[in-house]
């Protein structure tokens, strides 16, 4: 089962990025090409009925499987980045994170009105980053049809927070 493989491979890092946080590190997954293939296929299978037009991946770990997922679905990928990282004209949205705040940006021409967007990130915690990403998608008059994650920290209630922005929230492993 994919969930047990993910849980066996993900590394817990205590007190990162600050004391009291147990960081779920997905980088050991990247050393296993077969597991990466399995994760990509499982992510694609979860969203196959959503009629997705574009995958939007959130910086930076959301780029890793977001791009692979877009390729598996044979659709475009667009990056959502922290402020100052995108080279063209952008729109912005502030977000509160589990341990700080940030401003996310999306190119103003990244999406077309009416496009059906799947937001992807590696991990769902409180949902603050994905709420901000959803607002960016909405600013461009596109529709968030789902959110996908490798891991969800269900005890932080991020799924509940996303319900207002997305009808479908998927993860491969839950804690």
N, C-alpha and C. Protein backbone atom coordinates (compact mmCIF):
# COMPACT_ATOMS: atom_id res chain seq x y z
N UNK A 1 0.84 -1.19 0.00
CA UNK A 1 0.00 0.00 0.00
C UNK A 1 0.88 1.25 0.00
N UNK A 2 0.50 2.23 -0.79
CA UNK A 2 1.31 3.43 -0.97
C UNK A 2 1.49 4.21 0.33
N UNK A 3 0.44 4.26 1.16
CA UNK A 3 0.55 5.00 2.41
C UNK A 3 1.65 4.43 3.30
N UNK A 4 1.71 3.13 3.44
CA UNK A 4 2.74 2.54 4.31
C UNK A 4 4.13 2.76 3.73
N UNK A 5 4.28 2.70 2.41
CA UNK A 5 5.58 2.96 1.79
C UNK A 5 6.03 4.40 2.06
N UNK A 6 5.10 5.34 1.94
CA UNK A 6 5.43 6.74 2.21
C UNK A 6 5.85 6.90 3.66
N UNK A 7 5.06 6.36 4.58
CA UNK A 7 5.35 6.51 6.00
C UNK A 7 6.67 5.86 6.39
N UNK A 8 7.03 4.77 5.75
CA UNK A 8 8.30 4.11 6.03
C UNK A 8 9.49 4.93 5.50
N UNK A 9 9.24 5.76 4.49
CA UNK A 9 10.33 6.48 3.83
C UNK A 9 10.50 7.91 4.34
N UNK A 10 9.41 8.57 4.69
CA UNK A 10 9.48 9.96 5.17
C UNK A 10 10.28 9.99 6.48
N UNK A 11 11.10 11.03 6.59
CA UNK A 11 11.95 11.19 7.79
C UNK A 11 11.37 12.29 8.67
N UNK A 12 11.26 12.04 9.96
CA UNK A 12 10.87 13.07 10.92
C UNK A 12 12.11 13.83 11.37
N UNK A 13 12.03 15.16 11.34
CA UNK A 13 13.13 16.00 11.80
C UNK A 13 12.60 16.87 12.94
N UNK A 14 13.07 16.60 14.14
CA UNK A 14 12.61 17.33 15.32
C UNK A 14 13.14 18.76 15.34
N UNK A 15 12.30 19.65 15.83
CA UNK A 15 12.67 21.05 16.05
C UNK A 15 13.12 21.78 14.79
N UNK A 16 12.48 21.45 13.66
CA UNK A 16 12.77 22.16 12.41
C UNK A 16 11.45 22.61 11.80
N UNK A 17 11.33 23.83 11.38
CA UNK A 17 12.32 24.91 11.34
C UNK A 17 12.44 25.69 12.64
N UNK A 18 11.66 25.28 13.66
CA UNK A 18 11.80 25.93 14.96
C UNK A 18 11.45 24.92 16.05
N UNK A 19 11.84 25.19 17.28
CA UNK A 19 11.57 24.25 18.37
C UNK A 19 10.08 23.89 18.48
N UNK A 20 9.84 22.61 18.71
CA UNK A 20 8.47 22.13 18.88
C UNK A 20 7.83 21.58 17.62
N UNK A 21 8.41 21.86 16.46
CA UNK A 21 7.88 21.37 15.19
C UNK A 21 8.58 20.04 14.85
N UNK A 22 7.79 19.06 14.45
CA UNK A 22 8.35 17.82 13.90
C UNK A 22 8.09 17.86 12.40
N UNK A 23 9.12 18.13 11.64
CA UNK A 23 9.04 18.32 10.19
C UNK A 23 9.01 16.98 9.49
N UNK A 24 8.05 16.81 8.58
CA UNK A 24 7.97 15.60 7.77
C UNK A 24 8.78 15.84 6.50
N UNK A 25 9.94 15.23 6.40
CA UNK A 25 10.88 15.44 5.31
C UNK A 25 10.65 14.40 4.21
N UNK A 26 10.21 14.86 3.04
CA UNK A 26 9.95 13.94 1.93
C UNK A 26 11.18 13.68 1.07
N UNK A 27 12.30 14.33 1.36
CA UNK A 27 13.46 14.15 0.48
C UNK A 27 13.96 12.71 0.39
N UNK A 28 13.82 11.87 1.41
CA UNK A 28 14.22 10.46 1.21
C UNK A 28 13.41 9.75 0.11
N UNK A 29 12.17 10.19 -0.12
CA UNK A 29 11.36 9.63 -1.19
C UNK A 29 12.05 9.84 -2.54
N UNK A 30 12.69 10.98 -2.71
CA UNK A 30 13.29 11.34 -3.99
C UNK A 30 14.43 10.42 -4.39
N UNK A 31 14.99 9.69 -3.43
CA UNK A 31 16.07 8.75 -3.73
C UNK A 31 15.55 7.41 -4.25
N UNK A 32 14.24 7.24 -4.25
CA UNK A 32 13.63 5.98 -4.67
C UNK A 32 12.78 6.23 -5.92
N UNK A 33 13.38 6.01 -7.09
CA UNK A 33 12.71 6.32 -8.36
C UNK A 33 11.40 5.53 -8.51
N UNK A 34 11.40 4.29 -8.08
CA UNK A 34 10.18 3.48 -8.21
C UNK A 34 9.06 4.03 -7.32
N UNK A 35 9.38 4.43 -6.11
CA UNK A 35 8.38 5.02 -5.22
C UNK A 35 7.87 6.34 -5.79
N UNK A 36 8.74 7.13 -6.37
CA UNK A 36 8.31 8.39 -7.01
C UNK A 36 7.30 8.10 -8.12
N UNK A 37 7.56 7.05 -8.91
CA UNK A 37 6.63 6.66 -9.97
C UNK A 37 5.29 6.23 -9.38
N UNK A 38 5.34 5.45 -8.31
CA UNK A 38 4.11 4.98 -7.66
C UNK A 38 3.31 6.15 -7.09
N UNK A 39 3.99 7.10 -6.46
CA UNK A 39 3.32 8.27 -5.89
C UNK A 39 2.67 9.09 -7.00
N UNK A 40 3.38 9.32 -8.08
CA UNK A 40 2.83 10.09 -9.20
C UNK A 40 1.59 9.41 -9.76
N UNK A 41 1.65 8.11 -9.95
CA UNK A 41 0.49 7.36 -10.47
C UNK A 41 -0.68 7.42 -9.49
N UNK A 42 -0.40 7.30 -8.20
CA UNK A 42 -1.47 7.34 -7.20
C UNK A 42 -2.11 8.73 -7.13
N UNK A 43 -1.29 9.78 -7.20
CA UNK A 43 -1.84 11.14 -7.22
C UNK A 43 -2.73 11.34 -8.44
N UNK A 44 -2.27 10.89 -9.60
CA UNK A 44 -3.05 11.03 -10.84
C UNK A 44 -4.36 10.25 -10.76
N UNK A 45 -4.32 9.06 -10.18
CA UNK A 45 -5.53 8.25 -10.05
C UNK A 45 -6.57 8.93 -9.15
N UNK A 46 -6.10 9.61 -8.11
CA UNK A 46 -7.03 10.28 -7.19
C UNK A 46 -7.82 11.40 -7.88
N UNK A 47 -7.22 12.05 -8.87
CA UNK A 47 -7.85 13.24 -9.46
C UNK A 47 -8.35 13.02 -10.88
N UNK A 48 -8.30 11.78 -11.36
CA UNK A 48 -8.62 11.52 -12.77
C UNK A 48 -10.03 11.95 -13.17
N UNK A 49 -10.97 12.00 -12.25
CA UNK A 49 -12.34 12.37 -12.60
C UNK A 49 -12.65 13.85 -12.41
N UNK A 50 -11.65 14.66 -12.07
CA UNK A 50 -11.89 16.07 -11.80
C UNK A 50 -11.86 16.96 -13.05
N UNK A 51 -11.45 16.43 -14.17
CA UNK A 51 -11.33 17.21 -15.42
C UNK A 51 -10.46 18.46 -15.20
N UNK A 52 -9.26 18.21 -14.72
CA UNK A 52 -8.31 19.27 -14.40
C UNK A 52 -7.69 19.81 -15.69
N UNK A 53 -7.57 21.15 -15.78
CA UNK A 53 -6.92 21.80 -16.92
C UNK A 53 -5.46 22.15 -16.64
N UNK A 54 -5.16 22.45 -15.36
CA UNK A 54 -3.83 22.94 -14.98
C UNK A 54 -3.51 22.46 -13.57
N UNK A 55 -2.25 22.07 -13.33
CA UNK A 55 -1.77 21.81 -11.98
C UNK A 55 -0.98 23.03 -11.55
N UNK A 56 -1.30 23.57 -10.37
CA UNK A 56 -0.55 24.68 -9.78
C UNK A 56 0.19 24.13 -8.57
N UNK A 57 1.52 24.17 -8.62
CA UNK A 57 2.34 23.65 -7.53
C UNK A 57 2.87 24.77 -6.67
N UNK A 58 2.86 24.54 -5.36
CA UNK A 58 3.29 25.55 -4.39
C UNK A 58 4.76 25.34 -4.04
N UNK A 59 5.51 26.44 -4.04
CA UNK A 59 6.95 26.43 -3.75
C UNK A 59 7.23 25.80 -2.40
N UNK A 60 8.24 25.11 -2.27
CA UNK A 60 9.08 24.58 -3.33
C UNK A 60 8.85 23.09 -3.51
N UNK A 61 8.51 22.41 -2.43
CA UNK A 61 8.34 20.95 -2.55
C UNK A 61 7.12 20.58 -3.37
N UNK A 62 6.16 21.49 -3.50
CA UNK A 62 5.01 21.23 -4.37
C UNK A 62 5.38 21.18 -5.84
N UNK A 63 6.55 21.71 -6.18
CA UNK A 63 7.01 21.64 -7.56
C UNK A 63 7.43 20.22 -7.93
N UNK A 64 7.98 19.49 -6.95
CA UNK A 64 8.59 18.19 -7.24
C UNK A 64 7.59 17.22 -7.84
N UNK A 65 6.50 16.98 -7.15
CA UNK A 65 5.49 16.06 -7.67
C UNK A 65 4.41 16.78 -8.45
N UNK A 66 4.27 18.08 -8.27
CA UNK A 66 3.29 18.84 -9.06
C UNK A 66 3.59 18.77 -10.54
N UNK A 67 4.85 18.93 -10.90
CA UNK A 67 5.25 18.85 -12.30
C UNK A 67 5.08 17.42 -12.84
N UNK A 68 5.47 16.44 -12.04
CA UNK A 68 5.29 15.05 -12.46
C UNK A 68 3.81 14.72 -12.63
N UNK A 69 2.99 15.23 -11.73
CA UNK A 69 1.55 15.00 -11.82
C UNK A 69 0.97 15.65 -13.07
N UNK A 70 1.39 16.88 -13.37
CA UNK A 70 0.92 17.55 -14.59
C UNK A 70 1.32 16.75 -15.83
N UNK A 71 2.54 16.24 -15.85
CA UNK A 71 2.97 15.43 -16.98
C UNK A 71 2.15 14.15 -17.09
N UNK A 72 1.88 13.50 -15.97
CA UNK A 72 1.08 12.27 -15.98
C UNK A 72 -0.34 12.55 -16.50
N UNK A 73 -0.87 13.73 -16.16
CA UNK A 73 -2.22 14.11 -16.60
C UNK A 73 -2.20 14.75 -18.00
N UNK A 74 -1.00 15.00 -18.53
CA UNK A 74 -0.81 15.62 -19.85
C UNK A 74 -1.45 17.02 -19.92
N UNK A 75 -1.19 17.81 -18.86
CA UNK A 75 -1.71 19.17 -18.78
C UNK A 75 -0.59 20.11 -18.32
N UNK A 76 -0.80 21.42 -18.44
CA UNK A 76 0.23 22.38 -18.03
C UNK A 76 0.44 22.42 -16.51
N UNK A 77 1.61 22.91 -16.15
CA UNK A 77 1.98 23.15 -14.75
C UNK A 77 2.29 24.63 -14.59
N UNK A 78 1.82 25.24 -13.50
CA UNK A 78 2.20 26.62 -13.19
C UNK A 78 2.72 26.68 -11.75
N UNK A 79 3.78 27.45 -11.53
CA UNK A 79 4.33 27.57 -10.19
C UNK A 79 3.69 28.71 -9.40
N UNK A 80 3.47 28.45 -8.12
CA UNK A 80 3.07 29.49 -7.16
C UNK A 80 4.27 29.64 -6.23
N UNK A 81 4.83 30.85 -6.19
CA UNK A 81 6.10 31.05 -5.50
C UNK A 81 6.01 32.12 -4.43
N UNK A 82 7.03 32.15 -3.59
CA UNK A 82 7.15 33.22 -2.60
C UNK A 82 7.49 34.51 -3.32
N UNK A 83 7.14 35.63 -2.70
CA UNK A 83 7.31 36.95 -3.31
C UNK A 83 8.73 37.17 -3.80
N UNK A 84 8.84 37.78 -4.97
CA UNK A 84 10.12 38.16 -5.52
C UNK A 84 10.84 37.08 -6.31
N UNK A 85 10.22 35.92 -6.50
CA UNK A 85 10.88 34.81 -7.19
C UNK A 85 10.44 34.65 -8.65
N UNK A 86 9.30 35.19 -9.01
CA UNK A 86 8.81 35.06 -10.39
C UNK A 86 9.23 36.28 -11.20
N UNK A 87 9.70 36.09 -12.43
CA UNK A 87 10.30 37.18 -13.20
C UNK A 87 9.33 38.11 -13.91
N UNK A 88 8.07 37.74 -14.07
CA UNK A 88 7.12 38.53 -14.84
C UNK A 88 6.14 39.21 -13.88
N UNK A 89 5.17 39.92 -14.41
CA UNK A 89 4.16 40.60 -13.59
C UNK A 89 3.36 39.56 -12.82
N UNK A 90 3.13 39.85 -11.53
CA UNK A 90 2.47 38.89 -10.66
C UNK A 90 1.29 39.49 -9.91
N UNK A 91 0.46 38.59 -9.38
CA UNK A 91 -0.53 38.97 -8.37
C UNK A 91 -0.05 38.34 -7.07
N UNK A 92 -0.47 38.92 -5.93
CA UNK A 92 0.04 38.48 -4.64
C UNK A 92 -1.08 38.15 -3.67
N UNK A 93 -0.73 37.30 -2.70
CA UNK A 93 -1.65 36.97 -1.62
C UNK A 93 -0.85 36.62 -0.38
N UNK A 94 -1.16 37.26 0.73
CA UNK A 94 -0.50 36.96 2.00
C UNK A 94 -1.07 35.67 2.57
N UNK A 95 -0.24 34.96 3.34
CA UNK A 95 -0.73 33.75 4.01
C UNK A 95 -0.04 33.59 5.36
N UNK A 96 -0.79 32.97 6.27
CA UNK A 96 -0.25 32.63 7.58
C UNK A 96 0.11 31.15 7.58
N UNK A 97 1.32 30.87 8.03
CA UNK A 97 1.82 29.51 8.06
C UNK A 97 1.81 29.00 9.50
N UNK A 98 2.13 27.73 9.66
CA UNK A 98 2.18 27.15 10.99
C UNK A 98 3.21 27.86 11.86
N UNK A 99 4.26 28.40 11.24
CA UNK A 99 5.35 29.01 12.00
C UNK A 99 5.82 30.30 11.35
N UNK A 100 4.88 31.14 10.90
CA UNK A 100 5.26 32.42 10.31
C UNK A 100 4.23 32.88 9.30
N UNK A 101 4.67 33.75 8.43
CA UNK A 101 3.80 34.25 7.36
C UNK A 101 4.63 34.42 6.10
N UNK A 102 3.93 34.55 4.98
CA UNK A 102 4.61 34.72 3.70
C UNK A 102 3.67 35.39 2.72
N UNK A 103 4.22 35.82 1.62
CA UNK A 103 3.42 36.33 0.51
C UNK A 103 3.68 35.41 -0.68
N UNK A 104 2.60 34.90 -1.26
CA UNK A 104 2.71 34.05 -2.44
C UNK A 104 2.39 34.85 -3.68
N UNK A 105 3.00 34.46 -4.79
CA UNK A 105 2.77 35.13 -6.06
C UNK A 105 2.48 34.12 -7.16
N UNK A 106 1.75 34.60 -8.15
CA UNK A 106 1.43 33.83 -9.35
C UNK A 106 1.53 34.79 -10.52
N UNK A 107 2.10 34.36 -11.62
CA UNK A 107 2.14 35.22 -12.80
C UNK A 107 0.72 35.61 -13.18
N UNK A 108 0.53 36.87 -13.55
CA UNK A 108 -0.81 37.35 -13.87
C UNK A 108 -1.40 36.69 -15.12
N UNK A 109 -0.56 36.07 -15.94
CA UNK A 109 -1.05 35.39 -17.14
C UNK A 109 -0.96 33.87 -17.02
N UNK A 110 -0.79 33.36 -15.80
CA UNK A 110 -0.59 31.92 -15.60
C UNK A 110 -1.85 31.10 -15.88
N UNK A 111 -3.00 31.67 -15.63
CA UNK A 111 -4.27 30.96 -15.79
C UNK A 111 -5.24 31.79 -16.60
N UNK A 112 -6.17 31.10 -17.24
CA UNK A 112 -7.23 31.77 -17.98
C UNK A 112 -8.53 31.62 -17.19
N UNK A 113 -9.40 32.60 -17.33
CA UNK A 113 -10.70 32.54 -16.67
C UNK A 113 -11.41 31.24 -17.02
N UNK A 114 -11.96 30.59 -16.01
CA UNK A 114 -12.70 29.36 -16.21
C UNK A 114 -11.89 28.09 -16.18
N UNK A 115 -10.56 28.19 -16.18
CA UNK A 115 -9.75 26.98 -16.13
C UNK A 115 -9.96 26.26 -14.80
N UNK A 116 -9.90 24.93 -14.87
CA UNK A 116 -10.09 24.07 -13.71
C UNK A 116 -8.70 23.70 -13.17
N UNK A 117 -8.41 24.14 -11.94
CA UNK A 117 -7.06 24.06 -11.39
C UNK A 117 -7.00 23.08 -10.23
N UNK A 118 -5.97 22.24 -10.26
CA UNK A 118 -5.64 21.39 -9.13
C UNK A 118 -4.42 22.00 -8.45
N UNK A 119 -4.54 22.31 -7.18
CA UNK A 119 -3.41 22.83 -6.41
C UNK A 119 -2.70 21.65 -5.77
N UNK A 120 -1.37 21.61 -5.91
CA UNK A 120 -0.59 20.52 -5.34
C UNK A 120 0.51 21.06 -4.43
N UNK A 121 0.66 20.41 -3.28
CA UNK A 121 1.80 20.66 -2.40
C UNK A 121 2.19 19.34 -1.76
N UNK A 122 3.36 19.29 -1.16
CA UNK A 122 3.80 18.03 -0.58
C UNK A 122 3.04 17.67 0.67
N UNK A 123 2.65 18.68 1.46
CA UNK A 123 2.09 18.41 2.77
C UNK A 123 1.00 19.42 3.12
N UNK A 124 -0.10 18.93 3.66
CA UNK A 124 -1.17 19.77 4.18
C UNK A 124 -1.06 19.80 5.70
N UNK A 125 -0.85 21.00 6.24
CA UNK A 125 -0.83 21.17 7.69
C UNK A 125 -2.08 21.97 8.08
N UNK A 126 -1.94 23.24 8.36
CA UNK A 126 -3.10 24.06 8.74
C UNK A 126 -3.87 24.57 7.52
N UNK A 127 -3.28 24.49 6.34
CA UNK A 127 -3.96 24.90 5.12
C UNK A 127 -3.75 26.35 4.72
N UNK A 128 -2.99 27.12 5.49
CA UNK A 128 -2.81 28.54 5.19
C UNK A 128 -2.22 28.83 3.82
N UNK A 129 -1.23 28.06 3.43
CA UNK A 129 -0.60 28.27 2.13
C UNK A 129 -1.57 27.94 1.00
N UNK A 130 -2.34 26.89 1.16
CA UNK A 130 -3.27 26.47 0.11
C UNK A 130 -4.45 27.42 0.02
N UNK A 131 -4.87 27.98 1.14
CA UNK A 131 -5.92 29.01 1.10
C UNK A 131 -5.44 30.20 0.28
N UNK A 132 -4.21 30.65 0.55
CA UNK A 132 -3.65 31.77 -0.22
C UNK A 132 -3.53 31.41 -1.70
N UNK A 133 -3.08 30.21 -2.00
CA UNK A 133 -2.98 29.77 -3.40
C UNK A 133 -4.36 29.74 -4.05
N UNK A 134 -5.36 29.29 -3.33
CA UNK A 134 -6.74 29.26 -3.85
C UNK A 134 -7.25 30.66 -4.15
N UNK A 135 -6.90 31.60 -3.30
CA UNK A 135 -7.31 33.00 -3.53
C UNK A 135 -6.62 33.56 -4.78
N UNK A 136 -5.35 33.19 -4.99
CA UNK A 136 -4.66 33.62 -6.21
C UNK A 136 -5.35 33.07 -7.45
N UNK A 137 -5.71 31.79 -7.43
CA UNK A 137 -6.42 31.18 -8.54
C UNK A 137 -7.73 31.92 -8.79
N UNK A 138 -8.44 32.24 -7.73
CA UNK A 138 -9.71 32.97 -7.84
C UNK A 138 -9.54 34.37 -8.41
N UNK A 139 -8.43 35.03 -8.06
CA UNK A 139 -8.17 36.37 -8.60
C UNK A 139 -8.09 36.35 -10.12
N UNK A 140 -7.65 35.24 -10.67
CA UNK A 140 -7.54 35.12 -12.13
C UNK A 140 -8.80 34.48 -12.73
N UNK A 141 -9.85 34.38 -11.91
CA UNK A 141 -11.16 33.87 -12.34
C UNK A 141 -11.11 32.43 -12.82
N UNK A 142 -10.16 31.68 -12.28
CA UNK A 142 -10.11 30.24 -12.53
C UNK A 142 -10.75 29.55 -11.32
N UNK A 143 -10.95 28.24 -11.43
CA UNK A 143 -11.67 27.50 -10.40
C UNK A 143 -10.77 26.42 -9.79
N UNK A 144 -10.68 26.40 -8.48
CA UNK A 144 -9.97 25.32 -7.80
C UNK A 144 -10.92 24.13 -7.73
N UNK A 145 -10.57 23.05 -8.43
CA UNK A 145 -11.43 21.86 -8.43
C UNK A 145 -10.91 20.79 -7.49
N UNK A 146 -9.71 20.98 -6.96
CA UNK A 146 -9.17 20.03 -6.01
C UNK A 146 -7.81 20.43 -5.52
N UNK A 147 -7.40 19.77 -4.43
CA UNK A 147 -6.08 19.98 -3.85
C UNK A 147 -5.50 18.60 -3.56
N UNK A 148 -4.23 18.41 -3.93
CA UNK A 148 -3.61 17.10 -3.68
C UNK A 148 -2.32 17.28 -2.90
N UNK A 149 -2.07 16.27 -2.06
CA UNK A 149 -0.91 16.29 -1.17
C UNK A 149 -0.37 14.87 -1.06
N UNK A 150 0.90 14.76 -0.80
CA UNK A 150 1.46 13.46 -0.48
C UNK A 150 1.06 13.11 0.96
N UNK A 151 1.19 14.09 1.86
CA UNK A 151 0.93 13.89 3.29
C UNK A 151 -0.07 14.92 3.79
N UNK A 152 -0.96 14.49 4.69
CA UNK A 152 -1.85 15.41 5.40
C UNK A 152 -1.67 15.18 6.90
N UNK A 153 -1.46 16.26 7.62
CA UNK A 153 -1.40 16.20 9.09
C UNK A 153 -2.82 16.50 9.59
N UNK A 154 -3.65 15.48 9.63
CA UNK A 154 -5.08 15.66 9.89
C UNK A 154 -5.37 16.30 11.24
N UNK A 155 -4.51 16.12 12.22
CA UNK A 155 -4.73 16.70 13.54
C UNK A 155 -4.67 18.23 13.53
N UNK A 156 -4.15 18.83 12.45
CA UNK A 156 -4.10 20.29 12.34
C UNK A 156 -5.31 20.87 11.62
N UNK A 157 -6.23 20.02 11.17
CA UNK A 157 -7.53 20.42 10.62
C UNK A 157 -7.46 21.25 9.34
N UNK A 158 -6.42 21.04 8.53
CA UNK A 158 -6.29 21.77 7.27
C UNK A 158 -7.41 21.46 6.28
N UNK A 159 -7.86 20.21 6.25
CA UNK A 159 -8.94 19.83 5.31
C UNK A 159 -10.19 20.68 5.55
N UNK A 160 -10.53 20.87 6.81
CA UNK A 160 -11.72 21.66 7.13
C UNK A 160 -11.57 23.10 6.64
N UNK A 161 -10.39 23.63 6.78
CA UNK A 161 -10.13 25.01 6.34
C UNK A 161 -10.23 25.16 4.82
N UNK A 162 -9.90 24.08 4.09
CA UNK A 162 -9.92 24.14 2.63
C UNK A 162 -11.31 23.92 2.04
N UNK A 163 -12.24 23.43 2.82
CA UNK A 163 -13.58 23.09 2.30
C UNK A 163 -14.23 24.25 1.57
N UNK A 164 -14.00 25.45 2.02
CA UNK A 164 -14.59 26.64 1.40
C UNK A 164 -14.00 26.93 0.01
N UNK A 165 -12.79 26.43 -0.24
CA UNK A 165 -12.10 26.74 -1.49
C UNK A 165 -12.06 25.59 -2.48
N UNK A 166 -12.19 24.38 -1.99
CA UNK A 166 -12.03 23.23 -2.86
C UNK A 166 -13.01 22.11 -2.49
N UNK A 167 -13.69 21.57 -3.48
CA UNK A 167 -14.63 20.49 -3.19
C UNK A 167 -13.95 19.14 -2.94
N UNK A 168 -12.68 19.03 -3.29
CA UNK A 168 -11.99 17.74 -3.20
C UNK A 168 -10.58 17.95 -2.66
N UNK A 169 -10.27 17.28 -1.56
CA UNK A 169 -8.93 17.36 -0.97
C UNK A 169 -8.42 15.93 -0.82
N UNK A 170 -7.28 15.65 -1.44
CA UNK A 170 -6.72 14.30 -1.50
C UNK A 170 -5.33 14.27 -0.85
N UNK A 171 -5.04 13.16 -0.19
CA UNK A 171 -3.67 12.91 0.28
C UNK A 171 -3.42 11.41 0.18
N UNK A 172 -2.16 11.06 0.11
CA UNK A 172 -1.78 9.65 0.02
C UNK A 172 -1.47 9.05 1.39
N UNK A 173 -1.04 9.88 2.34
CA UNK A 173 -0.72 9.42 3.69
C UNK A 173 -1.21 10.45 4.69
N UNK A 174 -1.80 9.97 5.76
CA UNK A 174 -2.32 10.87 6.81
C UNK A 174 -1.70 10.53 8.16
N UNK A 175 -1.47 11.59 8.91
CA UNK A 175 -0.96 11.46 10.29
C UNK A 175 -1.94 12.13 11.22
